[in-house]
């Protein structure tokens, strides 16, 4: 009888330990790919260098080994978009310095693929005097996504 109670106690201990591990896992916050895009300065002069930075994190971890980071830059209402491959600089920051020889309102999208997810924040900046901004920047972004698909590029959005 004492053996049965001892065995029962051991089994109960294992079952309770297993339940507590499941509760800990259920309370973990899901991790997402986060990209903070900054433009410095947001208003620059013609031929003045502008620094673009994408700070990439996954949860609280800095991502230093993203699969792909491209900055897509274009002048408002221009059909030609320049895509520039960007390398990791430091502490999860991917950086590009670029100057512009034409005044106007510009846009940048950082296309970041890491940890089987894709994030693409967008920012606006001005060189010299602003030009006519795009009427619906979200529509422009959707057109670009369709354009990318037509080129055979596929992006996994973590689905």
N, C-alpha and C. Protein backbone atom coordinates (compact mmCIF):
# COMPACT_ATOMS: atom_id res chain seq x y z
N UNK A 1 0.82 -1.19 0.00
CA UNK A 1 0.00 0.00 0.00
C UNK A 1 0.86 1.26 0.00
N UNK A 2 1.97 1.25 0.79
CA UNK A 2 2.84 2.41 0.84
C UNK A 2 3.49 2.65 -0.52
N UNK A 3 3.82 1.53 -1.25
CA UNK A 3 4.41 1.67 -2.58
C UNK A 3 3.44 2.34 -3.54
N UNK A 4 2.17 1.97 -3.46
CA UNK A 4 1.15 2.53 -4.35
C UNK A 4 1.00 4.04 -4.09
N UNK A 5 1.01 4.44 -2.83
CA UNK A 5 0.91 5.87 -2.49
C UNK A 5 2.13 6.62 -3.00
N UNK A 6 3.32 6.02 -2.85
CA UNK A 6 4.54 6.65 -3.31
C UNK A 6 4.53 6.81 -4.84
N UNK A 7 4.13 5.76 -5.55
CA UNK A 7 4.07 5.82 -7.01
C UNK A 7 3.04 6.86 -7.45
N UNK A 8 1.87 6.87 -6.78
CA UNK A 8 0.83 7.84 -7.11
C UNK A 8 1.34 9.27 -6.88
N UNK A 9 2.08 9.48 -5.80
CA UNK A 9 2.63 10.81 -5.50
C UNK A 9 3.62 11.25 -6.57
N UNK A 10 4.46 10.33 -7.01
CA UNK A 10 5.46 10.65 -8.05
C UNK A 10 4.75 11.01 -9.36
N UNK A 11 3.73 10.23 -9.72
CA UNK A 11 2.98 10.50 -10.96
C UNK A 11 2.33 11.88 -10.88
N UNK A 12 1.72 12.19 -9.74
CA UNK A 12 1.08 13.51 -9.56
C UNK A 12 2.10 14.63 -9.70
N UNK A 13 3.29 14.43 -9.15
CA UNK A 13 4.33 15.46 -9.24
C UNK A 13 4.71 15.72 -10.69
N UNK A 14 4.86 14.65 -11.50
CA UNK A 14 5.20 14.82 -12.92
C UNK A 14 4.07 15.53 -13.68
N UNK A 15 2.83 15.15 -13.39
CA UNK A 15 1.69 15.78 -14.08
C UNK A 15 1.63 17.26 -13.75
N UNK A 16 1.79 17.61 -12.49
CA UNK A 16 1.75 19.02 -12.09
C UNK A 16 2.91 19.80 -12.69
N UNK A 17 4.08 19.20 -12.76
CA UNK A 17 5.24 19.88 -13.36
C UNK A 17 4.99 20.12 -14.84
N UNK A 18 4.40 19.17 -15.52
CA UNK A 18 4.08 19.33 -16.94
C UNK A 18 3.08 20.45 -17.17
N UNK A 19 2.08 20.57 -16.30
CA UNK A 19 1.08 21.63 -16.43
C UNK A 19 1.70 23.00 -16.23
N UNK A 20 2.62 23.13 -15.28
CA UNK A 20 3.22 24.45 -15.04
C UNK A 20 4.08 24.88 -16.22
N UNK A 21 4.77 23.94 -16.90
CA UNK A 21 5.55 24.29 -18.09
C UNK A 21 4.65 24.80 -19.20
N UNK A 22 3.47 24.17 -19.37
CA UNK A 22 2.54 24.62 -20.41
C UNK A 22 2.03 26.01 -20.12
N UNK A 23 1.78 26.33 -18.85
CA UNK A 23 1.31 27.67 -18.49
C UNK A 23 2.38 28.71 -18.79
N UNK A 24 3.65 28.38 -18.51
CA UNK A 24 4.73 29.32 -18.79
C UNK A 24 4.82 29.60 -20.28
N UNK A 25 4.71 28.54 -21.11
CA UNK A 25 4.79 28.71 -22.56
C UNK A 25 3.61 29.53 -23.06
N UNK A 26 2.43 29.33 -22.49
CA UNK A 26 1.24 30.06 -22.93
C UNK A 26 1.36 31.55 -22.60
N UNK A 27 2.12 31.90 -21.56
CA UNK A 27 2.25 33.29 -21.15
C UNK A 27 3.35 34.03 -21.90
N UNK A 28 4.17 33.32 -22.70
CA UNK A 28 5.22 33.98 -23.47
C UNK A 28 4.59 34.89 -24.51
N UNK A 29 5.13 36.08 -24.68
CA UNK A 29 4.64 37.01 -25.68
C UNK A 29 5.14 36.58 -27.05
N UNK A 30 4.26 36.53 -28.05
CA UNK A 30 4.74 36.17 -29.39
C UNK A 30 5.70 37.23 -29.91
N UNK A 31 6.70 36.80 -30.66
CA UNK A 31 7.70 37.72 -31.20
C UNK A 31 7.32 38.12 -32.62
N UNK A 32 7.55 39.39 -32.93
CA UNK A 32 7.28 39.90 -34.26
C UNK A 32 8.51 40.64 -34.77
N UNK A 33 8.62 40.69 -36.08
CA UNK A 33 9.68 41.45 -36.72
C UNK A 33 9.27 42.92 -36.70
N UNK A 34 10.06 43.75 -36.04
CA UNK A 34 9.76 45.17 -35.94
C UNK A 34 10.86 45.96 -36.65
N UNK A 35 10.46 46.93 -37.45
CA UNK A 35 11.42 47.76 -38.18
C UNK A 35 11.07 49.22 -37.92
N UNK A 36 12.01 49.95 -37.33
CA UNK A 36 11.85 51.39 -37.11
C UNK A 36 12.70 52.09 -38.17
N UNK A 37 12.03 52.77 -39.09
CA UNK A 37 12.71 53.46 -40.18
C UNK A 37 12.87 54.93 -39.83
N UNK A 38 14.11 55.44 -39.92
CA UNK A 38 14.35 56.86 -39.64
C UNK A 38 15.08 57.50 -40.82
N UNK A 39 14.80 58.79 -41.02
CA UNK A 39 15.44 59.59 -42.06
C UNK A 39 16.02 60.81 -41.37
N UNK A 40 17.34 61.05 -41.57
CA UNK A 40 18.00 62.16 -40.91
C UNK A 40 18.92 62.89 -41.88
N UNK A 41 18.64 64.15 -42.19
CA UNK A 41 17.48 64.94 -41.78
C UNK A 41 16.27 64.64 -42.65
N UNK A 42 15.07 64.94 -42.14
CA UNK A 42 13.85 64.73 -42.91
C UNK A 42 13.67 65.81 -43.96
N UNK A 43 14.35 66.94 -43.78
CA UNK A 43 14.35 68.02 -44.77
C UNK A 43 15.80 68.39 -45.01
N UNK A 44 16.28 68.10 -46.23
CA UNK A 44 17.70 68.33 -46.55
C UNK A 44 17.80 69.25 -47.77
N UNK A 45 19.01 69.71 -48.00
CA UNK A 45 19.30 70.54 -49.17
C UNK A 45 19.75 69.62 -50.31
N UNK A 46 19.70 70.14 -51.52
CA UNK A 46 20.19 69.40 -52.68
C UNK A 46 21.65 69.04 -52.45
N UNK A 47 22.04 67.82 -52.76
CA UNK A 47 23.39 67.26 -52.61
C UNK A 47 23.86 67.13 -51.17
N UNK A 48 23.00 67.36 -50.19
CA UNK A 48 23.35 67.13 -48.78
C UNK A 48 23.09 65.66 -48.46
N UNK A 49 24.06 64.97 -47.84
CA UNK A 49 23.85 63.55 -47.52
C UNK A 49 22.69 63.36 -46.53
N UNK A 50 21.88 62.36 -46.81
CA UNK A 50 20.76 61.97 -45.95
C UNK A 50 21.06 60.55 -45.46
N UNK A 51 20.86 60.31 -44.17
CA UNK A 51 21.09 58.99 -43.59
C UNK A 51 19.76 58.30 -43.34
N UNK A 52 19.64 57.11 -43.90
CA UNK A 52 18.46 56.27 -43.71
C UNK A 52 18.86 55.10 -42.83
N UNK A 53 18.08 54.83 -41.78
CA UNK A 53 18.39 53.71 -40.89
C UNK A 53 17.13 52.89 -40.64
N UNK A 54 17.30 51.58 -40.71
CA UNK A 54 16.24 50.64 -40.34
C UNK A 54 16.76 49.87 -39.13
N UNK A 55 16.14 50.10 -37.97
CA UNK A 55 16.48 49.38 -36.74
C UNK A 55 15.58 48.16 -36.68
N UNK A 56 16.19 46.98 -36.82
CA UNK A 56 15.43 45.73 -36.95
C UNK A 56 15.54 44.92 -35.66
N UNK A 57 14.38 44.58 -35.10
CA UNK A 57 14.35 43.75 -33.90
C UNK A 57 13.32 42.63 -34.08
N UNK A 58 13.58 41.54 -33.37
CA UNK A 58 12.66 40.41 -33.32
C UNK A 58 12.40 40.18 -31.84
N UNK A 59 11.22 40.56 -31.37
CA UNK A 59 11.00 40.60 -29.93
C UNK A 59 11.88 41.71 -29.38
N UNK A 60 12.74 41.39 -28.41
CA UNK A 60 13.68 42.38 -27.87
C UNK A 60 15.08 42.20 -28.45
N UNK A 61 15.25 41.23 -29.34
CA UNK A 61 16.57 40.89 -29.89
C UNK A 61 16.85 41.71 -31.15
N UNK A 62 18.04 42.33 -31.20
CA UNK A 62 18.47 43.04 -32.41
C UNK A 62 18.79 42.01 -33.49
N UNK A 63 18.28 42.24 -34.69
CA UNK A 63 18.50 41.31 -35.81
C UNK A 63 19.73 41.78 -36.59
N UNK A 64 20.81 41.01 -36.49
CA UNK A 64 22.06 41.36 -37.17
C UNK A 64 22.27 40.53 -38.43
N UNK A 65 21.36 39.58 -38.67
CA UNK A 65 21.53 38.65 -39.79
C UNK A 65 20.26 38.52 -40.62
N UNK A 66 19.64 39.65 -40.95
CA UNK A 66 18.42 39.63 -41.77
C UNK A 66 18.70 38.95 -43.10
N UNK A 67 17.71 38.25 -43.61
CA UNK A 67 17.85 37.56 -44.90
C UNK A 67 18.00 38.56 -46.04
N UNK A 68 17.25 39.67 -45.97
CA UNK A 68 17.28 40.65 -47.05
C UNK A 68 16.83 42.01 -46.54
N UNK A 69 17.59 43.04 -46.84
CA UNK A 69 17.21 44.42 -46.50
C UNK A 69 17.47 45.28 -47.73
N UNK A 70 16.39 45.87 -48.25
CA UNK A 70 16.50 46.77 -49.39
C UNK A 70 15.77 48.06 -49.06
N UNK A 71 16.35 49.18 -49.47
CA UNK A 71 15.68 50.47 -49.36
C UNK A 71 15.19 50.85 -50.75
N UNK A 72 13.90 51.09 -50.85
CA UNK A 72 13.29 51.52 -52.11
C UNK A 72 13.01 53.02 -51.99
N UNK A 73 13.61 53.80 -52.88
CA UNK A 73 13.53 55.26 -52.79
C UNK A 73 13.02 55.81 -54.12
N UNK A 74 12.11 56.79 -54.03
CA UNK A 74 11.63 57.44 -55.24
C UNK A 74 11.11 58.84 -54.94
N UNK A 75 11.12 59.68 -55.97
CA UNK A 75 10.57 61.03 -55.89
C UNK A 75 9.06 60.90 -56.09
N UNK A 76 8.28 61.72 -55.38
CA UNK A 76 6.82 61.65 -55.46
C UNK A 76 6.35 61.66 -56.91
N UNK A 77 5.41 60.79 -57.20
CA UNK A 77 4.77 60.67 -58.52
C UNK A 77 5.71 60.21 -59.62
N UNK A 78 6.88 59.70 -59.27
CA UNK A 78 7.83 59.19 -60.25
C UNK A 78 7.63 57.67 -60.35
N UNK A 79 7.58 57.16 -61.56
CA UNK A 79 7.38 55.71 -61.74
C UNK A 79 8.67 54.93 -61.50
N UNK A 80 9.81 55.59 -61.59
CA UNK A 80 11.09 54.91 -61.39
C UNK A 80 11.44 54.87 -59.91
N UNK A 81 11.54 53.67 -59.38
CA UNK A 81 11.91 53.47 -57.98
C UNK A 81 13.27 52.80 -57.94
N UNK A 82 14.17 53.36 -57.14
CA UNK A 82 15.51 52.78 -56.99
C UNK A 82 15.51 51.86 -55.78
N UNK A 83 15.96 50.61 -55.97
CA UNK A 83 16.07 49.66 -54.85
C UNK A 83 17.55 49.42 -54.57
N UNK A 84 17.94 49.66 -53.32
CA UNK A 84 19.34 49.55 -52.93
C UNK A 84 19.47 48.50 -51.83
N UNK A 85 20.32 47.51 -52.07
CA UNK A 85 20.62 46.48 -51.06
C UNK A 85 21.41 47.14 -49.93
N UNK A 86 21.03 46.86 -48.68
CA UNK A 86 21.68 47.48 -47.53
C UNK A 86 22.23 46.40 -46.61
N UNK A 87 23.44 46.61 -46.12
CA UNK A 87 24.11 45.66 -45.22
C UNK A 87 23.95 46.11 -43.76
N UNK A 88 24.13 45.16 -42.86
CA UNK A 88 24.07 45.44 -41.42
C UNK A 88 25.24 46.34 -41.02
N UNK A 89 24.95 47.39 -40.26
CA UNK A 89 26.00 48.30 -39.78
C UNK A 89 26.40 47.94 -38.34
N UNK A 90 25.41 47.96 -37.43
CA UNK A 90 25.70 47.68 -36.02
C UNK A 90 24.40 47.51 -35.24
N UNK A 91 24.40 46.66 -34.25
CA UNK A 91 23.30 46.52 -33.29
C UNK A 91 21.92 46.44 -33.93
N UNK A 92 21.78 45.73 -35.03
CA UNK A 92 20.48 45.60 -35.68
C UNK A 92 20.11 46.78 -36.56
N UNK A 93 21.06 47.68 -36.80
CA UNK A 93 20.80 48.86 -37.64
C UNK A 93 21.38 48.62 -39.03
N UNK A 94 20.54 48.85 -40.03
CA UNK A 94 20.94 48.77 -41.44
C UNK A 94 20.89 50.20 -41.96
N UNK A 95 22.02 50.68 -42.50
CA UNK A 95 22.18 52.11 -42.77
C UNK A 95 22.60 52.37 -44.21
N UNK A 96 22.09 53.50 -44.74
CA UNK A 96 22.47 53.97 -46.07
C UNK A 96 22.59 55.48 -46.02
N UNK A 97 23.68 56.01 -46.60
CA UNK A 97 23.83 57.47 -46.78
C UNK A 97 23.73 57.74 -48.27
N UNK A 98 22.91 58.74 -48.61
CA UNK A 98 22.70 59.05 -50.02
C UNK A 98 22.37 60.53 -50.15
N UNK A 99 22.82 61.14 -51.24
CA UNK A 99 22.45 62.53 -51.51
C UNK A 99 21.61 62.57 -52.79
N UNK A 100 20.86 63.65 -52.95
CA UNK A 100 19.93 63.80 -54.06
C UNK A 100 20.21 65.11 -54.78
N UNK A 101 20.21 65.08 -56.11
CA UNK A 101 20.53 66.28 -56.88
C UNK A 101 19.29 66.97 -57.44
N UNK A 102 18.11 66.51 -57.00
CA UNK A 102 16.86 67.09 -57.48
C UNK A 102 15.94 67.39 -56.31
N UNK A 103 15.39 68.61 -56.28
CA UNK A 103 14.47 68.98 -55.20
C UNK A 103 13.17 68.20 -55.31
N UNK A 104 12.49 68.09 -54.19
CA UNK A 104 11.16 67.48 -54.21
C UNK A 104 10.85 66.66 -52.98
N UNK A 105 9.64 66.13 -52.97
CA UNK A 105 9.18 65.23 -51.93
C UNK A 105 9.55 63.81 -52.35
N UNK A 106 10.14 63.08 -51.43
CA UNK A 106 10.60 61.71 -51.71
C UNK A 106 9.98 60.75 -50.71
N UNK A 107 10.02 59.48 -51.08
CA UNK A 107 9.54 58.41 -50.20
C UNK A 107 10.58 57.31 -50.13
N UNK A 108 10.58 56.62 -49.00
CA UNK A 108 11.44 55.45 -48.83
C UNK A 108 10.63 54.35 -48.15
N UNK A 109 10.80 53.14 -48.65
CA UNK A 109 10.25 51.95 -47.99
C UNK A 109 11.44 51.04 -47.70
N UNK A 110 11.53 50.59 -46.46
CA UNK A 110 12.57 49.61 -46.15
C UNK A 110 11.92 48.23 -46.20
N UNK A 111 12.38 47.42 -47.13
CA UNK A 111 11.89 46.04 -47.28
C UNK A 111 12.82 45.15 -46.46
N UNK A 112 12.32 44.60 -45.36
CA UNK A 112 13.15 43.77 -44.48
C UNK A 112 12.53 42.38 -44.37
N UNK A 113 13.33 41.38 -44.69
CA UNK A 113 12.92 39.98 -44.52
C UNK A 113 13.88 39.33 -43.53
N UNK A 114 13.31 38.80 -42.44
CA UNK A 114 14.10 38.11 -41.41
C UNK A 114 13.16 37.24 -40.59
N UNK A 115 13.67 36.14 -40.09
CA UNK A 115 12.91 35.22 -39.23
C UNK A 115 11.59 34.80 -39.89
N UNK A 116 11.64 34.56 -41.20
CA UNK A 116 10.47 34.13 -41.98
C UNK A 116 9.33 35.15 -41.95
N UNK A 117 9.66 36.42 -41.77
CA UNK A 117 8.67 37.49 -41.79
C UNK A 117 9.17 38.62 -42.67
N UNK A 118 8.24 39.48 -43.11
CA UNK A 118 8.58 40.62 -43.95
C UNK A 118 7.90 41.86 -43.38
N UNK A 119 8.63 42.95 -43.27
CA UNK A 119 8.09 44.20 -42.75
C UNK A 119 8.57 45.31 -43.67
N UNK A 120 7.69 46.26 -43.99
CA UNK A 120 8.08 47.30 -44.94
C UNK A 120 7.50 48.66 -44.56
N UNK A 121 8.09 49.31 -43.54
CA UNK A 121 7.63 50.64 -43.18
C UNK A 121 8.02 51.67 -44.24
N UNK A 122 7.27 52.76 -44.27
CA UNK A 122 7.46 53.80 -45.28
C UNK A 122 7.64 55.14 -44.58
N UNK A 123 8.47 56.01 -45.17
CA UNK A 123 8.68 57.35 -44.63
C UNK A 123 8.74 58.35 -45.79
N UNK A 124 8.46 59.60 -45.46
CA UNK A 124 8.52 60.69 -46.44
C UNK A 124 9.61 61.65 -46.01
N UNK A 125 10.32 62.23 -46.99
CA UNK A 125 11.32 63.25 -46.70
C UNK A 125 11.36 64.24 -47.86
N UNK A 126 11.97 65.40 -47.60
CA UNK A 126 11.97 66.48 -48.59
C UNK A 126 13.40 66.93 -48.86
N UNK A 127 13.69 67.13 -50.14
CA UNK A 127 14.98 67.69 -50.56
C UNK A 127 14.67 69.07 -51.13
N UNK A 128 15.27 70.12 -50.54
CA UNK A 128 15.00 71.49 -51.00
C UNK A 128 13.54 71.84 -50.80
N UNK A 129 12.90 72.32 -51.87
CA UNK A 129 11.47 72.67 -51.82
C UNK A 129 10.64 71.43 -52.13
N UNK A 130 9.56 71.20 -51.37
CA UNK A 130 8.74 70.01 -51.61
C UNK A 130 8.04 70.08 -52.97
N UNK A 131 7.83 68.92 -53.57
CA UNK A 131 7.04 68.82 -54.79
C UNK A 131 5.66 68.32 -54.41
N UNK A 132 4.79 68.18 -55.39
CA UNK A 132 3.44 67.68 -55.14
C UNK A 132 3.53 66.26 -54.56
N UNK A 133 3.02 66.04 -53.33
CA UNK A 133 3.09 64.69 -52.75
C UNK A 133 2.15 63.74 -53.48
N UNK A 134 2.36 62.46 -53.29
CA UNK A 134 1.48 61.47 -53.90
C UNK A 134 0.13 61.53 -53.21
N UNK A 135 -0.92 61.35 -54.01
CA UNK A 135 -2.28 61.49 -53.48
C UNK A 135 -2.60 60.41 -52.45
N UNK A 136 -2.29 59.18 -52.77
CA UNK A 136 -2.57 58.07 -51.85
C UNK A 136 -1.35 57.18 -51.78
N UNK A 137 -0.52 57.41 -50.78
CA UNK A 137 0.74 56.66 -50.70
C UNK A 137 0.49 55.17 -50.46
N UNK A 138 -0.62 54.79 -49.84
CA UNK A 138 -0.92 53.37 -49.64
C UNK A 138 -1.19 52.68 -50.97
N UNK A 139 -1.88 53.38 -51.88
CA UNK A 139 -2.14 52.80 -53.20
C UNK A 139 -0.82 52.58 -53.92
N UNK A 140 0.09 53.54 -53.82
CA UNK A 140 1.40 53.41 -54.45
C UNK A 140 2.14 52.20 -53.90
N UNK A 141 2.04 51.99 -52.58
CA UNK A 141 2.73 50.87 -51.97
C UNK A 141 2.15 49.55 -52.47
N UNK A 142 0.82 49.48 -52.61
CA UNK A 142 0.20 48.26 -53.11
C UNK A 142 0.61 47.98 -54.54
N UNK A 143 0.74 49.02 -55.37
CA UNK A 143 1.18 48.84 -56.74
C UNK A 143 2.59 48.28 -56.76
N UNK A 144 3.43 48.76 -55.87
CA UNK A 144 4.81 48.27 -55.82
C UNK A 144 4.83 46.80 -55.42
N UNK A 145 3.97 46.40 -54.48
CA UNK A 145 3.94 45.01 -54.07
C UNK A 145 3.53 44.14 -55.25
N UNK A 146 2.53 44.60 -56.05
CA UNK A 146 2.13 43.86 -57.24
C UNK A 146 3.29 43.80 -58.22
N UNK A 147 4.01 44.91 -58.37
CA UNK A 147 5.15 44.98 -59.29
C UNK A 147 6.22 43.97 -58.87
N UNK A 148 6.48 43.89 -57.56
CA UNK A 148 7.47 42.93 -57.06
C UNK A 148 7.05 41.51 -57.40
N UNK A 149 5.77 41.20 -57.24
CA UNK A 149 5.29 39.86 -57.50
C UNK A 149 5.48 39.51 -58.97
N UNK A 150 5.25 40.50 -59.85
CA UNK A 150 5.41 40.26 -61.28
C UNK A 150 6.85 39.97 -61.64
N UNK A 151 7.79 40.45 -60.86
CA UNK A 151 9.20 40.20 -61.13
C UNK A 151 9.65 38.85 -60.58
N UNK A 152 8.75 38.13 -59.95
CA UNK A 152 9.10 36.81 -59.44
C UNK A 152 9.63 36.83 -58.02
N UNK A 153 9.66 37.99 -57.39
CA UNK A 153 10.08 38.04 -55.99
C UNK A 153 8.89 37.64 -55.13
N UNK A 154 9.13 36.79 -54.16
CA UNK A 154 8.05 36.45 -53.25
C UNK A 154 8.49 36.80 -51.84
N UNK A 155 7.54 37.28 -51.07
CA UNK A 155 7.84 37.69 -49.70
C UNK A 155 6.97 36.88 -48.76
N UNK A 156 7.57 36.26 -47.78
CA UNK A 156 6.84 35.55 -46.75
C UNK A 156 6.52 36.54 -45.66
N UNK A 157 5.24 36.76 -45.41
CA UNK A 157 4.82 37.72 -44.41
C UNK A 157 4.55 37.05 -43.07
N UNK A 158 5.11 35.88 -42.85
CA UNK A 158 4.96 35.21 -41.56
C UNK A 158 3.65 34.47 -41.42
N UNK A 159 3.01 34.11 -42.53
CA UNK A 159 1.72 33.41 -42.46
C UNK A 159 1.95 31.93 -42.45
